[in-house]
Amino acid sequence: MDTDNLAILPTLLPLTAAAIVLIAKAFLNKDAQSKATSLAGIVGLFLPWIPMVLLLPPIVAQEVPAFIFGGWRDGTGIYFRFDGLAWALNALTLLVCTGAWIYSRSSGPKSSGFAVMFFIQVAASCATMSTMDVFNLFVCLEVMGMTSYVLIADAKTPGSYIASFTYLMSSAATMLLFLIGVYGLYRLTGDLNYNAIQKFLAQCSMQESRLAALCAICLIIPIVLRAAIMPLSGWLLLAHSQAPHPVSAVLSGVLLKVPLFALVRLLLIFPTGGALGSAISFAGALGALLAVAMALVQSDAKRLLAYHSVSQTGYVAAALGAAIVLLRGSDPGLGLIFLVAAYLHALGHGIFKSLLFLSVGTLVDIKGQRDVYSIRGGFSSLKKAGDSLGVTGLSFAVGALSIAAIPPLIGFSTKGYISKYMAGNYLYGFLVVAAVLTVASFIKLSRIFFSSSDESKNTSVRVGAGRIYSVLGLAFFCIAGGILAPQLFRFGILLFRSIIPGLPLPELSLASAPGLFTLKNLAQTALTILAGIAVFLIITSRLGRRLTHSIGDHVPSFETIFLGMSAALFILAIQI
């Protein structure tokens, strides 16, 4: 079987699903449209797993499938390379988007326009990780962005329109920088293909190297904004709190991770990639701490989760930046280990944060408000709304325990891997404090499901089967991912070797998944929990409440977002 031709199918099938919905909208009645939309979900989210499974053996065997559109030669046509990084991010995309799609079929939005934009976004996410030239990367990022603007605004509230417009304006401004970077690279190297650019830069002069570094900054800033790494995370806080719940799940689970891992391909081609990776690692670790500190003082449940998305993405960025430094340096084997650790936490975060957005979203729909200080009795309200077994509340508990890194759930394993390999790094302290504040924050949020009950303000909301099945499936993956973490770690090592041709396996002592359920790790987890409880008691004390209310909910202004862009440019310029 020619696996090269299969490399395009994970992108092509979601586009086919979008076409099915459009054709049904144009020519069929409403009942037939509903059936066609269900068929589109199967085509766009389930069928891609068939080529994914068939592509896996050659990827592991280092025979990476590649596809060139139109039969053009390499360097002329659109070139897709379906290596381990593409496979892994596509798997993350399909898992999270499937859960969000099933949820949306019950909760809404259910319009044909939403379905079309949703499937196009899935296709763009898959294509982003396969493309091997900078201009097509620009196209993929723009398609991801444009569909996000529409999906955020699909909530059809004034706040969602403002959030969508804010994201559009900040993204458009930075994507102009991306185009400048593309132009500069093409002017310098005469090529847009990653491999050709890397070959040129490996033997360029000092002056050309400086110009390439400026181009790299222009390319990185828009991607860092899309990944919502501080100080470029302001748009996400607005978007998360205003978007429909399934869109919030996809934004956090997929739309932050795909651009972040696209940085791996970009930074590996630049001589200054190591220095830029170091800056991203620092920004990620610092952002992980600052964002969770801001989450502690939030009263809006979805904005609290949005700050945690920034914080957990910071964990991923910290490990990812360290991986790039090592892959560009003298220890690519250890760099591969860091890359696997970063991906596993991205996978874990994509699953448990989607679960949290969907479960909390169901409750706030029933309650008719999002104030974490007012909502109580979630289990009781969910039962009255049709969730008689308390699946939504129990699934929330699984997600909350996962993000708090409680064993044996996936968050414990993935944070454990990052802690294992970041322990000797000066940024490790930021991550430790962030872990403590995460525990405190989710004790605070969990009170919306417990304590005394109150009357729901929106008694018309029913917890349909789609809402229950989606959170139940994601909760299952939180549990299974934690139990199977050592196997996933070893699988990741085999998978990611294909990113760099000829990359050797790390030493056995490194490649083996580190033991997580050791007495030392469990003791550290217990101390983190106790410290988190102490912080929670402090912030809920009389003095703590005064302090948190004086800070209040922080909603970044348009000016603040652009100030963050300027700060990011300045930091990267200093770094190189």
Protein backbone atom coordinates (compact mmCIF):
# COMPACT_ATOMS: atom_id res chain seq x y z
CA MET A 1 0.00 0.00 0.00
CA ASP A 2 1.25 3.48 -0.91
CA THR A 3 1.14 5.20 2.46
CA ASP A 4 2.25 8.53 0.94
CA ASN A 5 -1.24 9.05 -0.48
CA LEU A 6 -2.76 8.38 2.94
CA ALA A 7 -0.89 11.33 4.46
CA ILE A 8 -3.44 13.81 3.12
CA LEU A 9 -6.55 11.97 4.36
CA PRO A 10 -6.58 13.26 7.98
CA THR A 11 -6.89 16.75 6.46
CA LEU A 12 -9.11 15.83 3.51
CA LEU A 13 -11.78 13.89 5.44
CA PRO A 14 -12.81 16.80 7.75
CA LEU A 15 -13.04 19.02 4.65
CA THR A 16 -15.27 16.37 3.08
CA ALA A 17 -17.43 16.50 6.20
CA ALA A 18 -17.80 20.27 5.80
CA ALA A 19 -18.81 19.76 2.15
CA ILE A 20 -21.44 17.20 3.18
CA VAL A 21 -23.03 19.71 5.55
CA LEU A 22 -23.01 22.46 2.90
CA ILE A 23 -24.56 20.24 0.23
CA ALA A 24 -27.23 19.04 2.66
CA LYS A 25 -28.02 22.65 3.62
CA ALA A 26 -28.46 23.59 -0.05
CA PHE A 27 -30.53 20.66 -1.29
CA LEU A 28 -32.15 18.69 1.55
CA ASN A 29 -34.97 19.24 4.02
CA LYS A 30 -34.33 19.79 7.72
CA ASP A 31 -34.72 16.16 8.73
CA ALA A 32 -32.29 15.03 6.03
CA GLN A 33 -29.91 17.86 6.98
CA SER A 34 -29.77 16.54 10.54
CA LYS A 35 -28.91 13.04 9.31
CA ALA A 36 -26.31 14.44 6.92
CA THR A 37 -24.70 16.39 9.77
CA SER A 38 -24.47 13.20 11.83
CA LEU A 39 -22.87 11.47 8.83
CA ALA A 40 -20.44 14.38 8.53
CA GLY A 41 -19.39 13.85 12.14
CA ILE A 42 -18.49 10.24 11.35
CA VAL A 43 -16.62 11.21 8.18
CA GLY A 44 -14.72 14.12 9.71
CA LEU A 45 -13.91 12.78 13.18
CA PHE A 46 -13.98 8.97 13.10
CA LEU A 47 -12.87 7.95 9.60
CA PRO A 48 -9.51 9.81 9.89
CA TRP A 49 -8.46 7.20 12.42
CA ILE A 50 -8.28 4.61 9.62
CA PRO A 51 -5.42 6.32 7.73
CA MET A 52 -3.89 7.29 11.09
CA VAL A 53 -3.63 3.61 12.06
CA LEU A 54 -2.27 2.65 8.63
CA LEU A 55 0.33 5.43 8.74
CA LEU A 56 1.64 4.48 12.16
CA PRO A 57 3.92 1.50 11.24
CA PRO A 58 5.99 3.40 8.62
CA ILE A 59 6.33 6.38 10.98
CA VAL A 60 7.67 4.20 13.78
CA ALA A 61 9.99 2.49 11.26
CA GLN A 62 11.41 5.92 10.26
CA GLU A 63 9.86 5.65 6.76
CA VAL A 64 7.94 8.89 7.03
CA PRO A 65 5.05 9.26 4.52
CA ALA A 66 5.08 12.44 2.44
CA PHE A 67 2.64 13.87 -0.07
CA ILE A 68 3.19 16.58 -2.69
CA PHE A 69 0.04 18.09 -4.17
CA GLY A 70 -0.34 18.05 -7.94
CA GLY A 71 2.68 15.83 -8.56
CA TRP A 72 5.09 18.77 -8.37
CA ARG A 73 8.68 18.26 -7.29
CA ASP A 74 9.75 18.84 -3.72
CA GLY A 75 10.28 22.56 -3.16
CA THR A 76 7.70 23.61 -5.75
CA GLY A 77 4.39 22.05 -4.74
CA ILE A 78 2.60 21.99 -1.39
CA TYR A 79 4.54 19.43 0.62
CA PHE A 80 3.03 17.43 3.51
CA ARG A 81 5.26 15.30 5.75
CA PHE A 82 3.29 13.08 8.10
CA ASP A 83 5.84 12.32 10.81
CA GLY A 84 5.37 11.45 14.46
CA LEU A 85 4.67 15.06 15.45
CA ALA A 86 1.88 15.32 12.88
CA TRP A 87 0.43 11.98 14.00
CA ALA A 88 0.47 12.92 17.67
CA LEU A 89 -1.13 16.36 17.23
CA ASN A 90 -3.74 14.96 14.85
CA ALA A 91 -4.63 12.36 17.48
CA LEU A 92 -5.02 15.13 20.08
CA THR A 93 -7.17 17.15 17.66
CA LEU A 94 -9.49 14.26 16.86
CA LEU A 95 -9.92 13.20 20.50
CA VAL A 96 -10.81 16.65 21.82
CA CYS A 97 -12.92 17.69 18.83
CA THR A 98 -14.92 14.46 18.96
CA GLY A 99 -15.87 15.14 22.58
CA ALA A 100 -16.78 18.75 21.80
CA TRP A 101 -18.78 17.73 18.72
CA ILE A 102 -20.86 15.14 20.62
CA TYR A 103 -21.54 17.73 23.33
CA SER A 104 -22.63 20.34 20.77
CA ARG A 105 -25.17 17.95 19.25
CA SER A 106 -27.00 18.06 22.58
CA SER A 107 -26.31 21.57 23.87
CA GLY A 108 -25.82 23.53 20.66
CA PRO A 109 -24.82 25.35 18.60
CA LYS A 110 -26.50 23.05 16.08
CA SER A 111 -26.59 25.23 12.97
CA SER A 112 -25.13 24.13 9.66
CA GLY A 113 -22.82 27.15 9.70
CA PHE A 114 -21.35 26.05 13.02
CA ALA A 115 -20.78 22.51 11.71
CA VAL A 116 -19.05 23.76 8.56
CA MET A 117 -16.72 26.07 10.48
CA PHE A 118 -16.04 23.33 13.03
CA PHE A 119 -14.92 20.77 10.43
CA ILE A 120 -12.84 23.31 8.52
CA GLN A 121 -11.09 24.13 11.78
CA VAL A 122 -10.37 20.43 12.38
CA ALA A 123 -8.90 20.16 8.87
CA ALA A 124 -6.74 23.27 9.35
CA SER A 125 -5.44 21.96 12.67
CA CYS A 126 -4.42 18.68 11.06
CA ALA A 127 -2.81 20.42 8.08
CA THR A 128 -0.79 22.78 10.30
CA MET A 129 1.31 19.93 11.66
CA SER A 130 1.92 18.31 8.26
CA THR A 131 2.88 21.28 6.11
CA MET A 132 6.59 21.75 5.45
CA ASP A 133 6.81 25.34 4.22
CA VAL A 134 6.33 28.65 5.97
CA PHE A 135 3.74 30.14 3.61
CA ASN A 136 1.40 27.18 3.88
CA LEU A 137 1.89 27.37 7.63
CA PHE A 138 0.63 30.96 7.39
CA VAL A 139 -2.42 29.77 5.42
CA CYS A 140 -3.22 27.04 7.94
CA LEU A 141 -2.88 29.39 10.91
CA GLU A 142 -5.12 31.94 9.21
CA VAL A 143 -7.81 29.35 8.50
CA MET A 144 -7.64 28.22 12.12
CA GLY A 145 -7.96 31.84 13.20
CA MET A 146 -10.82 32.78 10.88
CA THR A 147 -12.90 29.78 11.87
CA SER A 148 -12.22 30.60 15.53
CA TYR A 149 -13.55 34.15 15.08
CA VAL A 150 -16.80 32.75 13.68
CA LEU A 151 -17.15 29.98 16.26
CA ILE A 152 -16.56 32.34 19.20
CA ALA A 153 -19.19 34.75 17.86
CA ASP A 154 -21.66 31.86 17.46
CA ALA A 155 -22.74 32.42 21.07
CA LYS A 156 -24.56 35.43 19.59
CA THR A 157 -24.11 37.67 22.62
CA PRO A 158 -22.58 41.17 22.72
CA GLY A 159 -19.69 39.80 24.76
CA SER A 160 -18.95 37.08 22.23
CA TYR A 161 -18.88 39.61 19.38
CA ILE A 162 -16.41 41.77 21.31
CA ALA A 163 -14.25 38.76 22.18
CA SER A 164 -14.25 37.61 18.56
CA PHE A 165 -13.35 41.07 17.29
CA THR A 166 -10.57 41.45 19.87
CA TYR A 167 -9.05 38.14 18.82
CA LEU A 168 -9.39 39.10 15.16
CA MET A 169 -7.63 42.44 15.58
CA SER A 170 -4.77 41.17 17.74
CA SER A 171 -4.29 38.12 15.52
CA ALA A 172 -4.41 40.16 12.31
CA ALA A 173 -1.79 42.57 13.62
CA THR A 174 0.63 39.79 14.50
CA MET A 175 -0.02 37.84 11.30
CA LEU A 176 1.26 40.88 9.41
CA LEU A 177 4.51 40.28 11.26
CA PHE A 178 4.36 36.66 10.14
CA LEU A 179 4.07 37.73 6.49
CA ILE A 180 7.01 40.09 6.93
CA GLY A 181 8.99 37.17 8.31
CA VAL A 182 7.98 34.97 5.37
CA TYR A 183 9.03 37.68 2.92
CA GLY A 184 12.34 38.18 4.69
CA LEU A 185 13.13 34.47 4.63
CA TYR A 186 12.21 34.14 0.98
CA ARG A 187 14.26 37.22 0.10
CA LEU A 188 17.19 35.78 2.04
CA THR A 189 17.08 32.11 1.05
CA GLY A 190 15.05 32.04 -2.17
CA ASP A 191 12.89 29.26 -0.73
CA LEU A 192 9.93 28.64 1.60
CA ASN A 193 10.54 24.95 2.30
CA TYR A 194 11.74 24.18 5.84
CA ASN A 195 14.52 21.85 4.71
CA ALA A 196 15.84 24.24 2.05
CA ILE A 197 15.82 27.16 4.50
CA GLN A 198 17.67 25.10 7.10
CA LYS A 199 20.37 24.11 4.60
CA PHE A 200 20.90 27.74 3.59
CA LEU A 201 21.04 29.04 7.16
CA ALA A 202 23.54 26.37 8.18
CA GLN A 203 26.16 27.99 5.95
CA CYS A 204 25.11 31.64 5.81
CA SER A 205 27.19 34.66 6.81
CA MET A 206 26.92 36.50 10.13
CA GLN A 207 24.91 39.32 8.56
CA GLU A 208 22.51 36.85 6.95
CA SER A 209 22.20 35.03 10.27
CA ARG A 210 21.12 38.25 11.99
CA LEU A 211 18.51 38.91 9.34
CA ALA A 212 17.26 35.34 9.73
CA ALA A 213 16.97 35.89 13.49
CA LEU A 214 14.77 38.95 12.92
CA CYS A 215 12.62 36.91 10.54
CA ALA A 216 12.35 34.21 13.21
CA ILE A 217 11.03 36.74 15.73
CA CYS A 218 8.42 37.91 13.22
CA LEU A 219 7.29 34.31 12.75
CA ILE A 220 7.29 33.40 16.42
CA ILE A 221 5.24 36.31 17.85
CA PRO A 222 1.99 35.37 16.02
CA ILE A 223 2.39 31.72 16.99
CA VAL A 224 3.04 32.60 20.64
CA LEU A 225 -0.13 34.73 20.55
CA ARG A 226 -2.13 31.82 19.10
CA ALA A 227 -0.74 29.59 21.86
CA ALA A 228 -1.76 32.21 24.48
CA ILE A 229 1.61 32.29 26.22
CA MET A 230 2.01 35.29 28.52
CA PRO A 231 2.19 38.18 27.82
CA LEU A 232 0.17 37.38 24.66
CA SER A 233 -2.74 35.60 26.33
CA GLY A 234 -5.25 38.41 26.79
CA TRP A 235 -7.47 37.47 23.85
CA LEU A 236 -8.01 33.96 25.22
CA LEU A 237 -9.43 35.19 28.52
CA LEU A 238 -12.16 37.05 26.65
CA ALA A 239 -12.77 34.29 24.12
CA HIS A 240 -13.07 31.47 26.66
CA SER A 241 -15.52 33.30 28.85
CA GLN A 242 -17.81 34.28 25.95
CA ALA A 243 -17.61 31.37 23.47
CA PRO A 244 -20.06 28.45 23.40
CA HIS A 245 -18.88 25.66 25.70
CA PRO A 246 -17.80 23.24 22.93
CA VAL A 247 -15.79 26.04 21.32
CA SER A 248 -14.09 26.82 24.64
CA ALA A 249 -13.14 23.14 24.88
CA VAL A 250 -11.60 23.12 21.39
CA LEU A 251 -9.85 26.46 21.91
CA SER A 252 -8.16 25.20 25.06
CA GLY A 253 -7.61 21.61 24.01
CA VAL A 254 -6.50 22.05 20.39
CA LEU A 255 -6.14 25.63 19.21
CA LEU A 256 -3.50 26.46 21.82
CA LYS A 257 -1.47 23.28 21.34
CA VAL A 258 -1.20 23.00 17.55
CA PRO A 259 0.52 26.39 16.98
CA LEU A 260 2.79 25.75 19.97
CA PHE A 261 4.07 22.48 18.52
CA ALA A 262 4.37 24.06 15.08
CA LEU A 263 7.12 26.12 16.74
CA VAL A 264 9.20 22.95 17.02
CA ARG A 265 9.52 22.69 13.24
CA LEU A 266 10.26 26.40 12.86
CA LEU A 267 12.83 26.81 15.60
CA LEU A 268 14.78 23.73 14.57
CA ILE A 269 15.62 25.35 11.23
CA PHE A 270 17.11 28.55 12.72
CA PRO A 271 20.65 28.82 14.14
CA THR A 272 19.18 30.99 16.94
CA GLY A 273 16.47 28.41 17.67
CA GLY A 274 18.10 27.42 20.96
CA ALA A 275 18.11 30.99 22.31
CA LEU A 276 14.51 31.52 21.24
CA GLY A 277 13.52 28.19 22.77
CA SER A 278 15.06 29.31 26.05
CA ALA A 279 12.96 32.50 25.97
CA ILE A 280 9.79 30.49 25.32
CA SER A 281 10.63 28.14 28.20
CA PHE A 282 11.05 31.09 30.57
CA ALA A 283 7.83 32.76 29.38
CA GLY A 284 5.96 29.48 29.78
CA ALA A 285 7.14 28.82 33.33
CA LEU A 286 6.53 32.39 34.48
CA GLY A 287 3.14 32.41 32.74
CA ALA A 288 2.20 29.14 34.45
CA LEU A 289 2.68 30.84 37.82
CA LEU A 290 1.18 34.26 37.07
CA ALA A 291 -1.89 32.88 35.30
CA VAL A 292 -2.84 30.50 38.09
CA ALA A 293 -2.35 33.31 40.62
CA MET A 294 -4.88 35.37 38.63
CA ALA A 295 -7.22 32.37 38.46
CA LEU A 296 -7.42 32.37 42.25
CA VAL A 297 -9.15 35.76 42.34
CA GLN A 298 -11.67 35.16 39.55
CA SER A 299 -15.39 34.94 40.23
CA ASP A 300 -16.43 33.97 36.67
CA ALA A 301 -16.17 30.17 36.38
CA LYS A 302 -15.22 30.11 32.69
CA ARG A 303 -12.69 32.91 33.06
CA LEU A 304 -11.14 31.00 35.94
CA LEU A 305 -10.78 28.00 33.62
CA ALA A 306 -9.36 30.29 30.93
CA TYR A 307 -6.55 31.43 33.23
CA HIS A 308 -5.83 27.78 33.98
CA SER A 309 -5.57 27.14 30.24
CA VAL A 310 -2.86 29.80 30.08
CA SER A 311 -1.16 28.30 33.13
CA GLN A 312 -1.18 24.70 31.91
CA THR A 313 -0.05 25.75 28.43
CA GLY A 314 2.82 27.44 30.25
CA TYR A 315 3.84 24.05 31.65
CA VAL A 316 3.90 22.69 28.10
CA ALA A 317 5.85 25.69 26.78
CA ALA A 318 8.43 25.39 29.57
CA ALA A 319 9.21 21.78 28.64
CA LEU A 320 8.90 22.44 24.91
CA GLY A 321 11.35 25.34 24.99
CA ALA A 322 13.84 23.22 26.93
CA ALA A 323 13.38 20.47 24.32
CA ILE A 324 14.24 22.86 21.49
CA VAL A 325 17.37 24.05 23.32
CA LEU A 326 18.55 20.45 23.69
CA LEU A 327 17.56 19.35 20.18
CA ARG A 328 19.51 22.31 18.76
CA GLY A 329 22.41 21.62 21.12
CA SER A 330 24.62 18.71 21.99
CA ASP A 331 22.05 16.39 23.60
CA PRO A 332 19.23 15.69 21.12
CA GLY A 333 18.41 12.44 22.93
CA LEU A 334 17.46 14.31 26.10
CA GLY A 335 15.70 16.90 23.93
CA LEU A 336 13.52 14.11 22.57
CA ILE A 337 12.62 13.14 26.15
CA PHE A 338 11.58 16.73 26.95
CA LEU A 339 9.53 16.87 23.76
CA VAL A 340 7.64 13.71 24.70
CA ALA A 341 7.01 15.08 28.20
CA ALA A 342 5.69 18.35 26.73
CA TYR A 343 3.39 16.51 24.33
CA LEU A 344 2.00 14.17 26.97
CA HIS A 345 1.04 17.12 29.15
CA ALA A 346 -0.48 18.85 26.12
CA LEU A 347 -2.51 15.69 25.50
CA GLY A 348 -3.51 15.42 29.13
CA HIS A 349 -4.44 19.08 29.35
CA GLY A 350 -6.43 18.88 26.14
CA ILE A 351 -8.50 16.05 27.60
CA PHE A 352 -9.06 17.22 31.17
CA LYS A 353 -9.52 20.90 30.33
CA SER A 354 -12.12 20.04 27.67
CA LEU A 355 -13.84 17.91 30.30
CA LEU A 356 -13.81 20.80 32.76
CA PHE A 357 -15.20 23.32 30.27
CA LEU A 358 -18.01 20.99 29.22
CA SER A 359 -19.00 19.87 32.73
CA VAL A 360 -18.85 23.38 34.20
CA GLY A 361 -20.61 24.69 31.08
CA THR A 362 -23.53 22.35 31.68
CA LEU A 363 -23.92 23.53 35.27
CA VAL A 364 -23.71 27.24 34.47
CA ASP A 365 -26.36 26.75 31.77
CA ILE A 366 -28.67 25.21 34.36
CA LYS A 367 -27.92 27.83 37.00
CA GLY A 368 -28.13 30.74 34.59
CA GLN A 369 -25.01 32.38 36.05
CA ARG A 370 -21.24 31.82 36.32
CA ASP A 371 -20.34 33.36 39.69
CA VAL A 372 -18.32 30.77 41.64
CA TYR A 373 -19.22 32.53 44.90
CA SER A 374 -22.96 32.19 44.24
CA ILE A 375 -23.41 28.82 42.54
CA ARG A 376 -23.89 25.92 44.93
CA GLY A 377 -25.59 22.52 44.91
CA GLY A 378 -24.49 21.49 41.44
CA PHE A 379 -25.15 17.78 41.93
CA SER A 380 -28.72 18.46 43.03
CA SER A 381 -29.41 20.81 40.12
CA LEU A 382 -27.93 18.38 37.59
CA LYS A 383 -30.13 15.60 38.92
CA LYS A 384 -33.23 17.75 38.50
CA ALA A 385 -32.12 18.57 34.93
CA GLY A 386 -31.93 14.91 33.91
CA ASP A 387 -28.49 13.74 35.03
CA SER A 388 -29.88 11.33 37.61
CA LEU A 389 -26.60 9.43 38.06
CA GLY A 390 -24.53 12.55 38.61
CA VAL A 391 -22.26 11.74 35.64
CA THR A 392 -21.51 15.40 34.93
CA GLY A 393 -20.47 16.14 38.51
CA LEU A 394 -18.39 13.00 38.83
CA SER A 395 -16.72 13.71 35.50
CA PHE A 396 -15.91 17.22 36.71
CA ALA A 397 -14.29 15.66 39.78
CA VAL A 398 -12.12 13.48 37.53
CA GLY A 399 -11.06 16.55 35.52
CA ALA A 400 -10.38 18.63 38.63
CA LEU A 401 -8.30 15.87 40.22
CA SER A 402 -6.43 15.47 36.94
CA ILE A 403 -5.44 19.11 36.65
CA ALA A 404 -4.46 19.07 40.33
CA ALA A 405 -2.12 16.13 39.51
CA ILE A 406 -3.74 13.58 41.83
CA PRO A 407 -2.78 9.94 41.16
CA PRO A 408 -3.52 7.82 39.21
CA LEU A 409 -5.07 10.29 36.74
CA ILE A 410 -3.43 11.61 33.60
CA GLY A 411 -2.46 14.99 35.06
CA PHE A 412 -0.40 13.30 37.78
CA SER A 413 1.55 11.33 35.18
CA THR A 414 2.12 14.12 32.66
CA LYS A 415 3.11 16.73 35.27
CA GLY A 416 5.28 14.07 36.85
CA TYR A 417 7.26 13.64 33.64
CA ILE A 418 7.79 17.39 33.30
CA SER A 419 8.83 17.65 36.96
CA LYS A 420 11.21 14.71 36.57
CA TYR A 421 13.16 16.34 33.75
CA MET A 422 12.76 20.00 34.76
CA ALA A 423 13.89 19.37 38.35
CA GLY A 424 17.43 20.59 37.70
CA ASN A 425 16.26 23.69 35.83
CA TYR A 426 16.02 27.09 37.51
CA LEU A 427 12.42 27.37 36.25
CA TYR A 428 11.32 24.35 38.24
CA GLY A 429 10.40 26.48 41.27
CA PHE A 430 7.82 28.41 39.25
CA LEU A 431 6.11 25.14 38.30
CA VAL A 432 6.09 23.87 41.88
CA VAL A 433 4.36 27.01 43.18
CA ALA A 434 1.94 26.92 40.23
CA ALA A 435 1.00 23.35 41.17
CA VAL A 436 0.15 24.44 44.73
CA LEU A 437 -2.02 27.33 43.52
CA THR A 438 -3.77 25.01 41.04
CA VAL A 439 -4.91 22.79 43.92
CA ALA A 440 -6.20 25.82 45.83
CA SER A 441 -8.01 27.18 42.80
CA PHE A 442 -9.85 23.95 42.07
CA ILE A 443 -10.92 23.50 45.67
CA LYS A 444 -12.51 26.92 45.25
CA LEU A 445 -14.18 26.00 41.95
CA SER A 446 -15.35 22.59 43.16
CA ARG A 447 -17.68 24.23 45.68
CA ILE A 448 -20.13 24.97 42.86
CA PHE A 449 -20.98 21.26 42.75
CA PHE A 450 -21.25 20.77 46.50
CA SER A 451 -22.46 22.66 49.57
CA SER A 452 -26.05 23.74 49.99
CA SER A 453 -28.43 23.71 47.07
CA ASP A 454 -30.22 26.65 45.55
CA GLU A 455 -32.82 27.01 42.84
CA SER A 456 -31.74 26.85 39.23
CA LYS A 457 -32.55 29.93 37.20
CA ASN A 458 -32.84 28.11 33.86
CA THR A 459 -35.06 25.10 34.52
CA SER A 460 -35.63 24.60 30.77
CA VAL A 461 -32.08 23.31 30.30
CA ARG A 462 -31.94 19.51 30.16
CA VAL A 463 -28.83 17.38 30.39
CA GLY A 464 -29.14 15.40 27.17
CA ALA A 465 -27.37 12.22 26.20
CA GLY A 466 -24.77 14.10 24.14
CA ARG A 467 -23.66 16.13 27.16
CA ILE A 468 -23.35 13.00 29.30
CA TYR A 469 -21.57 10.82 26.73
CA SER A 470 -19.02 13.52 25.91
CA VAL A 471 -17.91 14.14 29.51
CA LEU A 472 -18.03 10.42 30.29
CA GLY A 473 -15.71 9.65 27.37
CA LEU A 474 -13.26 12.38 28.34
CA ALA A 475 -13.28 11.22 31.97
CA PHE A 476 -12.46 7.70 30.76
CA PHE A 477 -9.43 9.01 28.87
CA CYS A 478 -8.29 10.92 31.99
CA ILE A 479 -8.26 7.66 33.92
CA ALA A 480 -6.89 5.44 31.14
CA GLY A 481 -4.21 7.98 30.24
CA GLY A 482 -2.93 8.02 33.80
CA ILE A 483 -2.83 4.25 34.10
CA LEU A 484 -1.19 3.77 30.69
CA ALA A 485 1.21 6.72 31.02
CA PRO A 486 4.41 4.60 30.96
CA GLN A 487 3.28 2.93 27.74
CA LEU A 488 2.37 6.31 26.24
CA PHE A 489 5.80 7.65 27.19
CA ARG A 490 7.64 4.83 25.43
CA PHE A 491 5.31 5.10 22.44
CA GLY A 492 6.06 8.83 22.27
CA ILE A 493 9.80 8.15 22.13
CA LEU A 494 9.36 5.83 19.13
CA LEU A 495 6.93 8.22 17.47
CA PHE A 496 8.90 11.46 17.81
CA ARG A 497 12.19 10.03 16.56
CA SER A 498 10.86 10.60 13.04
CA ILE A 499 10.82 14.40 13.51
CA ILE A 500 14.55 14.65 12.83
CA PRO A 501 15.90 12.11 10.30
CA GLY A 502 18.58 9.94 11.86
CA LEU A 503 17.81 10.99 15.44
CA PRO A 504 19.05 8.13 17.65
CA LEU A 505 17.07 6.65 20.50
CA PRO A 506 18.05 8.08 23.89
CA GLU A 507 19.95 5.94 26.34
CA LEU A 508 17.82 3.21 27.89
CA SER A 509 17.95 4.89 31.29
CA LEU A 510 16.39 8.00 29.78
CA ALA A 511 14.03 6.37 27.30
CA SER A 512 12.41 4.22 29.99
CA ALA A 513 9.40 5.92 31.52
CA PRO A 514 10.43 7.21 34.96
CA GLY A 515 8.72 5.62 37.93
CA LEU A 516 5.90 7.88 39.07
CA PHE A 517 4.40 5.99 41.97
CA THR A 518 7.48 6.23 44.14
CA LEU A 519 7.36 7.16 47.80
CA LYS A 520 9.15 10.44 47.01
CA ASN A 521 6.67 11.47 44.30
CA LEU A 522 3.65 10.52 46.40
CA ALA A 523 5.07 12.48 49.35
CA GLN A 524 5.60 15.52 47.12
CA THR A 525 2.02 15.19 45.88
CA ALA A 526 0.74 15.05 49.46
CA LEU A 527 2.73 18.17 50.37
CA THR A 528 1.38 19.97 47.30
CA ILE A 529 -2.19 19.10 48.30
CA LEU A 530 -1.65 20.25 51.89
CA ALA A 531 -0.06 23.50 50.70
CA GLY A 532 -2.96 24.00 48.28
CA ILE A 533 -5.48 23.51 51.08
CA ALA A 534 -3.58 26.04 53.19
CA VAL A 535 -3.65 28.60 50.36
CA PHE A 536 -7.38 27.98 49.87
CA LEU A 537 -8.05 28.59 53.57
CA ILE A 538 -6.04 31.81 53.40
CA ILE A 539 -7.85 33.23 50.36
CA THR A 540 -11.26 32.33 51.82
CA SER A 541 -10.46 33.94 55.17
CA ARG A 542 -11.82 37.40 55.92
CA LEU A 543 -8.51 39.04 55.02
CA GLY A 544 -8.11 36.83 51.96
CA ARG A 545 -11.57 37.70 50.67
CA ARG A 546 -10.82 41.40 51.03
CA LEU A 547 -7.61 40.98 49.09
CA THR A 548 -9.11 38.91 46.28
CA HIS A 549 -12.12 41.19 45.93
CA SER A 550 -9.86 44.25 45.83
CA ILE A 551 -8.00 42.71 42.92
CA GLY A 552 -11.27 41.61 41.34
CA ASP A 553 -11.87 39.91 38.01
CA HIS A 554 -9.22 41.00 35.58
CA VAL A 555 -10.46 41.43 32.02
CA PRO A 556 -7.61 42.53 29.74
CA SER A 557 -8.32 45.58 27.63
CA PHE A 558 -7.52 45.94 23.96
CA GLU A 559 -4.64 48.25 24.88
CA THR A 560 -3.25 45.68 27.34
CA ILE A 561 -3.20 43.00 24.65
CA PHE A 562 -1.17 45.20 22.29
CA LEU A 563 1.15 46.18 25.14
CA GLY A 564 1.78 42.47 25.62
CA MET A 565 2.70 42.15 21.95
CA SER A 566 5.26 44.95 22.30
CA ALA A 567 6.70 43.34 25.43
CA ALA A 568 7.06 39.98 23.67
CA LEU A 569 8.89 41.58 20.75
CA PHE A 570 11.26 43.34 23.13
CA ILE A 571 12.01 40.17 25.14
CA LEU A 572 12.74 38.07 22.06
CA ALA A 573 14.92 40.81 20.56
CA ILE A 574 17.02 40.92 23.73
CA GLN A 575 17.28 37.13 23.84
CA ILE A 576 18.99 36.89 20.45
